[in-house]
């Protein structure tokens, strides 16, 4: 059975958040420490604790390192990793992560990867985060890793060379290289660090909502800060891959008639009455009848128990004197409704699932229109914001 993991990046990602989620999901801390010990650098201790972020309990990884004056370049890090007594898969992943970091930083600073000084990224704690995460992923034996869209934050952050814009250029380069879906979110802070972005870029094979799976464990890794707007955590859901199953067919009736002598102004009321009577759907199709008469075909989809009430509406409210009826097989996805916020205005979002996977989302138009009036914004702008909010909340595929 294939093992799949899903990262919920609701507050971005950092090296310690990734490692915390992996350990909390079941990767032994002893394996992480052994991998870190295998790297020939100063002694590094990895420990775990439990904290809460906006009320959510999570594992917080602490990396204790001694003071060092070693400047970590890409060549230095590569040499250290190549000489380390690591499993080949762990070494390959750690090298991939740092290679991505080196190339992204080189592009950001308009220099060559070999000339990159990692500064914070190449420090001992980042080495521990990357090597530890590689070892933890190997221990969990995941066949595939999927991640949600990644929130990056916005504003300014202080780095080695002073203030930098958020998201930073290296983060954008790393996630842009793998076509990861990203958005700024509502927190004025750096939510996704270069190390976190590099780990995502090197390990995630698909981006979207929770894939079909039978859940076996859930891990939650904590970030350093506690925000009011959202829990500063990264979640990892691990399970056995499941196949999305198409819904079973339902038997309904398709009832139709052709009408050429009804005042067209009556049709909206007729369609409304049919839906009130229990029709699943009702619609009109313009047609041309004998002698060139313009007309409409009235089509109604209805479950058998409501068919008699629907027939009564047609005969009472239209000029039809006969109906055609054909049994049809209907397949419908499971539906649900969630609520998102657009600048403080609630907007319901309809979801449709294939198995356990959300395959369609659609904001409720009446809610969108009401929010547009309240916010004094165009309907199309509020509609786009509602869809973006659905993605941000993890409702969308």
Protein backbone atom coordinates (compact mmCIF):
# COMPACT_ATOMS: atom_id res chain seq x y z
CA UNK A 1 0.00 0.00 0.00
CA UNK A 2 1.40 3.39 -1.01
CA UNK A 3 2.10 5.82 1.83
CA UNK A 4 1.29 9.45 1.20
CA UNK A 5 1.85 12.59 3.26
CA UNK A 6 0.07 15.94 3.02
CA UNK A 7 1.56 19.16 4.38
CA UNK A 8 -0.96 21.83 5.37
CA UNK A 9 1.07 25.04 5.01
CA UNK A 10 -1.51 27.30 6.65
CA UNK A 11 1.29 29.35 8.28
CA UNK A 12 4.05 28.80 5.75
CA UNK A 13 7.05 26.60 6.50
CA UNK A 14 10.45 26.79 8.13
CA UNK A 15 13.12 24.21 8.81
CA UNK A 16 12.12 23.68 12.44
CA UNK A 17 8.41 23.54 11.55
CA UNK A 18 9.04 20.82 8.95
CA UNK A 19 11.19 18.82 11.35
CA UNK A 20 8.67 19.27 14.17
CA UNK A 21 5.79 18.01 12.00
CA UNK A 22 7.80 14.98 10.88
CA UNK A 23 8.80 14.04 14.43
CA UNK A 24 5.27 14.61 15.74
CA UNK A 25 3.93 12.36 12.96
CA UNK A 26 6.08 9.47 14.14
CA UNK A 27 9.67 9.90 12.96
CA UNK A 28 11.91 8.89 15.92
CA UNK A 29 13.93 11.75 17.38
CA UNK A 30 16.79 9.27 17.94
CA UNK A 31 17.11 8.76 14.18
CA UNK A 32 17.14 12.53 13.65
CA UNK A 33 19.86 13.02 16.28
CA UNK A 34 21.96 10.17 14.84
CA UNK A 35 21.85 11.75 11.38
CA UNK A 36 22.83 15.16 12.76
CA UNK A 37 25.68 13.54 14.75
CA UNK A 38 26.94 11.92 11.53
CA UNK A 39 27.69 15.35 10.05
CA UNK A 40 31.28 16.37 10.87
CA UNK A 41 30.62 19.77 12.45
CA UNK A 42 30.51 21.16 15.98
CA UNK A 43 28.29 19.20 18.46
CA UNK A 44 24.58 19.87 17.85
CA UNK A 45 21.75 18.71 20.15
CA UNK A 46 18.19 18.31 18.86
CA UNK A 47 15.37 18.21 21.42
CA UNK A 48 11.60 18.39 21.33
CA UNK A 49 8.98 20.11 23.45
CA UNK A 50 5.27 20.86 23.36
CA UNK A 51 3.90 24.36 22.88
CA UNK A 52 0.62 25.92 21.79
CA UNK A 53 0.16 28.31 18.90
CA UNK A 54 -3.20 30.16 18.95
CA UNK A 55 -4.54 27.31 21.08
CA UNK A 56 -3.21 24.50 18.86
CA UNK A 57 -0.80 22.07 20.52
CA UNK A 58 2.33 21.39 18.49
CA UNK A 59 5.82 19.94 18.70
CA UNK A 60 8.57 22.56 18.95
CA UNK A 61 12.04 21.47 17.87
CA UNK A 62 14.95 23.14 19.62
CA UNK A 63 18.47 22.97 18.17
CA UNK A 64 21.28 23.74 20.62
CA UNK A 65 24.52 24.77 18.93
CA UNK A 66 27.85 26.16 20.19
CA UNK A 67 29.29 29.47 19.05
CA UNK A 68 31.24 29.11 15.80
CA UNK A 69 33.23 31.34 13.50
CA UNK A 70 33.02 28.97 10.53
CA UNK A 71 31.57 30.65 7.45
CA UNK A 72 29.40 28.12 5.66
CA UNK A 73 29.68 28.34 1.87
CA UNK A 74 27.97 26.00 -0.56
CA UNK A 75 31.30 24.28 -1.20
CA UNK A 76 31.83 23.81 2.55
CA UNK A 77 28.34 22.43 3.16
CA UNK A 78 28.57 20.11 0.15
CA UNK A 79 31.93 18.73 1.34
CA UNK A 80 30.60 18.16 4.87
CA UNK A 81 27.51 16.32 3.61
CA UNK A 82 29.42 14.19 1.10
CA UNK A 83 31.80 12.99 3.83
CA UNK A 84 29.07 12.33 6.43
CA UNK A 85 28.17 8.74 7.36
CA UNK A 86 24.57 9.12 6.18
CA UNK A 87 22.17 6.83 4.36
CA UNK A 88 22.50 7.54 0.63
CA UNK A 89 18.89 8.71 0.34
CA UNK A 90 19.26 11.06 3.31
CA UNK A 91 22.52 12.50 1.95
CA UNK A 92 21.03 12.98 -1.54
CA UNK A 93 18.03 14.87 -0.20
CA UNK A 94 20.13 17.10 2.07
CA UNK A 95 22.44 17.93 -0.84
CA UNK A 96 19.44 18.69 -3.05
CA UNK A 97 17.99 21.09 -0.47
CA UNK A 98 21.25 23.01 -0.05
CA UNK A 99 21.91 23.05 -3.80
CA UNK A 100 18.51 24.66 -4.34
CA UNK A 101 19.30 27.18 -1.61
CA UNK A 102 22.68 28.03 -3.14
CA UNK A 103 21.23 28.59 -6.61
CA UNK A 104 18.30 30.64 -5.28
CA UNK A 105 20.57 32.86 -3.17
CA UNK A 106 22.95 33.26 -6.11
CA UNK A 107 20.11 34.51 -8.31
CA UNK A 108 18.93 36.87 -5.58
CA UNK A 109 22.42 38.39 -5.17
CA UNK A 110 23.42 38.17 -8.87
CA UNK A 111 26.42 35.97 -8.17
CA UNK A 112 27.54 32.34 -8.63
CA UNK A 113 26.37 29.48 -6.35
CA UNK A 114 29.95 28.67 -5.32
CA UNK A 115 30.35 32.22 -4.05
CA UNK A 116 27.25 32.14 -1.85
CA UNK A 117 27.78 32.53 1.88
CA UNK A 118 24.74 31.00 3.51
CA UNK A 119 24.78 33.18 6.63
CA UNK A 120 21.64 32.19 8.61
CA UNK A 121 20.67 29.57 6.05
CA UNK A 122 23.98 27.73 6.35
CA UNK A 123 24.31 27.96 10.12
CA UNK A 124 24.50 24.87 12.30
CA UNK A 125 20.82 24.93 13.21
CA UNK A 126 19.86 25.00 9.51
CA UNK A 127 22.17 22.04 8.86
CA UNK A 128 20.39 20.22 11.68
CA UNK A 129 16.96 21.14 10.28
CA UNK A 130 17.80 19.96 6.76
CA UNK A 131 19.68 16.78 7.65
CA UNK A 132 17.20 15.96 10.43
CA UNK A 133 14.22 16.46 8.11
CA UNK A 134 15.83 14.29 5.43
CA UNK A 135 16.40 11.51 7.97
CA UNK A 136 12.86 11.87 9.38
CA UNK A 137 11.28 11.70 5.93
CA UNK A 138 13.30 8.58 5.18
CA UNK A 139 12.15 7.04 8.48
CA UNK A 140 8.47 7.70 7.67
CA UNK A 141 8.94 5.92 4.31
CA UNK A 142 6.58 8.13 2.37
CA UNK A 143 6.09 7.28 -1.29
CA UNK A 144 4.64 10.68 -2.11
CA UNK A 145 4.40 14.07 -0.45
CA UNK A 146 1.68 16.62 -1.33
CA UNK A 147 1.35 20.15 0.04
CA UNK A 148 -1.32 22.81 0.17
CA UNK A 149 -0.75 26.29 -1.27
CA UNK A 150 1.93 28.04 0.79
CA UNK A 151 1.29 31.28 2.69
CA UNK A 152 4.38 33.50 2.61
CA UNK A 153 3.50 36.56 4.71
CA UNK A 154 4.19 40.16 3.77
CA UNK A 155 5.94 43.30 4.99
CA UNK A 156 9.62 43.49 5.98
CA UNK A 157 11.95 41.17 7.90
CA UNK A 158 15.43 41.76 9.33
CA UNK A 159 18.18 39.55 7.89
CA UNK A 160 21.99 39.38 7.85
CA UNK A 161 22.22 42.49 5.65
CA UNK A 162 19.38 44.51 7.21
CA UNK A 163 15.72 44.81 6.28
CA UNK A 164 14.42 42.65 3.43
CA UNK A 165 11.00 42.54 1.75
CA UNK A 166 8.71 39.62 2.54
CA UNK A 167 8.47 37.27 0.77
CA UNK A 168 12.21 37.27 0.15
CA UNK A 169 13.66 36.79 -3.33
CA UNK A 170 15.16 33.38 -2.48
CA UNK A 171 11.79 32.08 -1.24
CA UNK A 172 10.05 33.25 -4.41
CA UNK A 173 12.77 31.71 -6.58
CA UNK A 174 12.67 28.36 -4.76
CA UNK A 175 8.89 27.96 -4.90
CA UNK A 176 8.63 29.48 -8.38
CA UNK A 177 11.01 26.83 -9.72
CA UNK A 178 8.54 24.08 -8.79
CA UNK A 179 5.34 25.99 -9.74
CA UNK A 180 4.14 25.96 -6.13
CA UNK A 181 0.91 27.93 -5.52
CA UNK A 182 1.59 30.74 -3.03
CA UNK A 183 -0.23 33.69 -1.46
CA UNK A 184 0.63 36.42 1.05
CA UNK A 185 -2.00 35.74 3.74
CA UNK A 186 -2.96 38.14 6.54
CA UNK A 187 0.17 38.14 8.76
CA UNK A 188 2.80 40.87 8.39
CA UNK A 189 5.78 38.60 9.01
CA UNK A 190 8.08 36.16 7.22
CA UNK A 191 6.05 32.95 7.33
CA UNK A 192 8.05 30.91 4.83
CA UNK A 193 11.81 30.91 5.28
CA UNK A 194 14.37 29.98 2.60
CA UNK A 195 15.11 26.71 4.40
CA UNK A 196 11.41 25.85 4.59
CA UNK A 197 10.91 26.75 0.93
CA UNK A 198 13.90 24.63 -0.12
CA UNK A 199 12.61 21.62 1.83
CA UNK A 200 9.20 21.97 0.18
CA UNK A 201 10.71 22.40 -3.28
CA UNK A 202 12.90 19.31 -2.88
CA UNK A 203 10.26 16.97 -1.44
CA UNK A 204 6.75 17.93 -2.57
CA UNK A 205 5.53 16.23 -5.74
CA UNK A 206 2.05 17.77 -6.05
CA UNK A 207 0.23 20.83 -4.73
CA UNK A 208 -3.37 20.98 -3.60
CA UNK A 209 -5.86 19.77 -1.02
CA UNK A 210 -5.75 16.65 1.12
CA UNK A 211 -5.41 13.68 -1.27
CA UNK A 212 -7.51 10.49 -0.87
CA UNK A 213 -6.03 8.54 2.02
CA UNK A 214 -6.75 6.49 5.12
CA UNK A 215 -5.20 8.59 7.87
CA UNK A 216 -2.62 6.84 10.04
CA UNK A 217 -0.95 9.73 11.89
CA UNK A 218 -0.96 13.52 12.12
CA UNK A 219 2.01 15.67 13.07
CA UNK A 220 2.02 19.36 13.97
CA UNK A 221 5.23 21.40 13.98
CA UNK A 222 5.38 24.78 15.71
CA UNK A 223 6.95 27.97 14.43
CA UNK A 224 8.88 30.33 16.67
CA UNK A 225 6.25 33.07 17.08
CA UNK A 226 2.62 33.05 18.23
CA UNK A 227 0.23 35.05 16.01
CA UNK A 228 -3.28 36.31 16.70
CA UNK A 229 -4.46 35.78 13.12
CA UNK A 230 -3.74 32.05 12.79
CA UNK A 231 -1.96 29.11 14.47
CA UNK A 232 1.73 29.31 13.54
CA UNK A 233 1.99 25.60 12.78
CA UNK A 234 2.71 23.23 9.92
CA UNK A 235 0.59 20.07 9.82
CA UNK A 236 1.57 16.74 8.27
CA UNK A 237 -1.10 14.12 7.63
CA UNK A 238 0.27 10.64 6.88
CA UNK A 239 -1.84 7.81 5.52
CA UNK A 240 -2.33 5.01 3.04
CA UNK A 241 -3.32 6.21 -0.41
CA UNK A 242 -6.95 5.54 -1.33
CA UNK A 243 -8.63 5.68 -4.71
CA UNK A 244 -11.30 8.32 -5.24
CA UNK A 245 -14.51 6.48 -6.13
CA UNK A 246 -17.14 7.93 -8.43
CA UNK A 247 -20.54 8.31 -6.75
CA UNK A 248 -23.13 5.60 -7.31
CA UNK A 249 -25.85 6.40 -9.86
CA UNK A 250 -29.27 7.59 -8.71
CA UNK A 251 -32.41 6.96 -10.78
CA UNK A 252 -34.36 10.07 -11.68
CA UNK A 253 -36.85 11.13 -14.32
CA UNK A 254 -36.28 13.57 -17.18
CA UNK A 255 -39.66 15.19 -17.89
CA UNK A 256 -40.02 17.35 -21.01
CA UNK A 257 -42.56 19.19 -23.12
CA UNK A 258 -42.51 21.65 -26.03
CA UNK A 259 -44.41 24.91 -25.53
CA UNK A 260 -45.00 27.52 -28.28
CA UNK A 261 -47.94 29.55 -26.97
CA UNK A 262 -46.95 30.80 -23.51
CA UNK A 263 -46.10 34.41 -22.72
CA UNK A 264 -42.30 34.22 -22.14
CA UNK A 265 -42.58 36.55 -19.16
CA UNK A 266 -44.19 33.67 -17.25
CA UNK A 267 -41.23 31.30 -17.52
CA UNK A 268 -39.16 32.57 -14.55
CA UNK A 269 -42.12 31.97 -12.20
CA UNK A 270 -42.68 28.49 -13.71
CA UNK A 271 -39.04 27.47 -13.17
CA UNK A 272 -39.14 28.75 -9.60
CA UNK A 273 -42.35 26.81 -8.86
CA UNK A 274 -40.84 23.61 -10.28
CA UNK A 275 -37.82 23.87 -7.99
CA UNK A 276 -40.09 24.59 -5.01
CA UNK A 277 -42.08 21.45 -5.91
CA UNK A 278 -38.99 19.26 -5.62
CA UNK A 279 -37.33 19.33 -9.03
CA UNK A 280 -33.55 18.84 -8.87
CA UNK A 281 -33.18 21.13 -11.89
CA UNK A 282 -35.35 22.82 -14.50
CA UNK A 283 -34.33 24.66 -17.65
CA UNK A 284 -35.50 25.99 -21.03
CA UNK A 285 -34.04 25.33 -24.48
CA UNK A 286 -35.07 27.55 -27.43
CA UNK A 287 -36.34 25.49 -30.40
CA UNK A 288 -38.03 26.01 -33.76
CA UNK A 289 -41.24 23.98 -34.22
CA UNK A 290 -43.40 23.20 -37.24
CA UNK A 291 -44.35 26.09 -39.50
CA UNK A 292 -41.33 27.99 -38.20
CA UNK A 293 -42.83 28.71 -34.79
CA UNK A 294 -40.33 29.78 -32.10
CA UNK A 295 -40.85 27.77 -28.94
CA UNK A 296 -39.16 26.33 -25.84
CA UNK A 297 -38.49 22.84 -24.59
CA UNK A 298 -39.11 22.71 -20.85
CA UNK A 299 -36.85 20.09 -19.22
CA UNK A 300 -37.16 18.94 -15.61
CA UNK A 301 -34.91 16.56 -13.69
CA UNK A 302 -36.73 15.08 -10.70
CA UNK A 303 -36.60 12.13 -8.30
CA UNK A 304 -39.61 9.79 -8.66
CA UNK A 305 -41.22 10.71 -5.29
CA UNK A 306 -41.54 14.37 -6.36
CA UNK A 307 -42.59 13.65 -9.96
CA UNK A 308 -46.34 13.99 -9.39
CA UNK A 309 -46.01 17.42 -7.77
CA UNK A 310 -43.81 18.58 -10.67
CA UNK A 311 -46.35 17.35 -13.25
CA UNK A 312 -49.03 19.35 -11.47
CA UNK A 313 -46.97 22.55 -11.71
CA UNK A 314 -46.45 22.07 -15.45
CA UNK A 315 -50.13 21.52 -16.18
CA UNK A 316 -51.34 24.33 -13.91
CA UNK A 317 -48.83 27.03 -14.79
CA UNK A 318 -48.05 26.41 -18.48
CA UNK A 319 -50.10 25.70 -21.59
CA UNK A 320 -48.68 22.18 -21.99
CA UNK A 321 -51.19 19.35 -22.39
CA UNK A 322 -48.74 16.42 -22.48
CA UNK A 323 -45.35 15.34 -21.15
CA UNK A 324 -42.52 13.02 -22.20
CA UNK A 325 -40.79 11.07 -19.42
CA UNK A 326 -37.53 9.13 -19.61
CA UNK A 327 -35.77 7.37 -16.70
CA UNK A 328 -32.17 8.58 -16.41
CA UNK A 329 -29.19 7.59 -14.26
CA UNK A 330 -27.74 10.55 -12.34
CA UNK A 331 -24.38 10.67 -10.56
CA UNK A 332 -23.87 13.52 -8.11
CA UNK A 333 -20.80 14.43 -6.09
CA UNK A 334 -21.08 14.84 -2.34
CA UNK A 335 -21.82 18.48 -1.54
CA UNK A 336 -20.90 20.68 1.38
CA UNK A 337 -20.93 24.31 2.41
CA UNK A 338 -18.17 26.22 4.19
CA UNK A 339 -17.93 29.90 5.07
CA UNK A 340 -14.98 32.18 4.33
CA UNK A 341 -14.42 35.85 5.13
CA UNK A 342 -13.83 38.60 2.59
CA UNK A 343 -12.69 41.69 4.47
CA UNK A 344 -15.01 40.79 7.35
CA UNK A 345 -18.02 39.80 5.21
CA UNK A 346 -19.07 36.12 5.43
CA UNK A 347 -19.39 34.32 2.10
CA UNK A 348 -20.64 30.76 1.85
CA UNK A 349 -18.65 28.49 -0.46
CA UNK A 350 -20.18 25.38 -1.97
CA UNK A 351 -17.82 22.39 -2.27
CA UNK A 352 -18.08 19.17 -4.26
CA UNK A 353 -16.02 16.10 -3.38
CA UNK A 354 -14.90 13.11 -5.42
CA UNK A 355 -14.25 10.56 -2.70
CA UNK A 356 -12.33 12.57 -0.09
CA UNK A 357 -10.97 15.15 -2.50
CA UNK A 358 -12.56 18.55 -3.10
CA UNK A 359 -12.71 18.92 -6.89
CA UNK A 360 -14.90 22.03 -7.19
CA UNK A 361 -15.58 25.13 -5.12
CA UNK A 362 -18.02 27.92 -5.88
CA UNK A 363 -18.87 30.97 -3.78
CA UNK A 364 -22.60 31.55 -3.21
CA UNK A 365 -23.49 34.38 -5.58
CA UNK A 366 -26.08 36.01 -3.29
CA UNK A 367 -23.46 36.25 -0.52
CA UNK A 368 -20.92 37.68 -2.98
CA UNK A 369 -23.39 40.29 -4.20
CA UNK A 370 -24.30 41.29 -0.64
CA UNK A 371 -20.61 41.59 0.31
CA UNK A 372 -19.96 43.73 -2.78
CA UNK A 373 -22.64 46.19 -1.65
CA UNK A 374 -21.28 46.29 1.92
CA UNK A 375 -17.67 46.74 0.80
CA UNK A 376 -18.53 49.05 -2.11
CA UNK A 377 -16.47 46.89 -4.46
CA UNK A 378 -17.24 45.29 -7.85
CA UNK A 379 -18.90 41.89 -7.68
CA UNK A 380 -16.13 40.36 -9.79
CA UNK A 381 -13.50 41.56 -7.28
CA UNK A 382 -15.38 40.09 -4.31
CA UNK A 383 -15.92 36.85 -6.24
CA UNK A 384 -12.18 36.57 -6.92
CA UNK A 385 -11.39 37.35 -3.26
CA UNK A 386 -13.83 34.65 -2.09
CA UNK A 387 -12.19 32.05 -4.34
CA UNK A 388 -8.76 33.10 -3.05
CA UNK A 389 -10.02 32.80 0.53
CA UNK A 390 -11.27 29.30 -0.22
CA UNK A 391 -7.79 28.32 -1.45
CA UNK A 392 -6.20 29.94 1.58
CA UNK A 393 -8.48 27.96 3.90
CA UNK A 394 -7.55 24.70 2.17
CA UNK A 395 -11.09 24.18 0.80
CA UNK A 396 -10.07 24.29 -2.86
CA UNK A 397 -8.15 21.65 -4.84
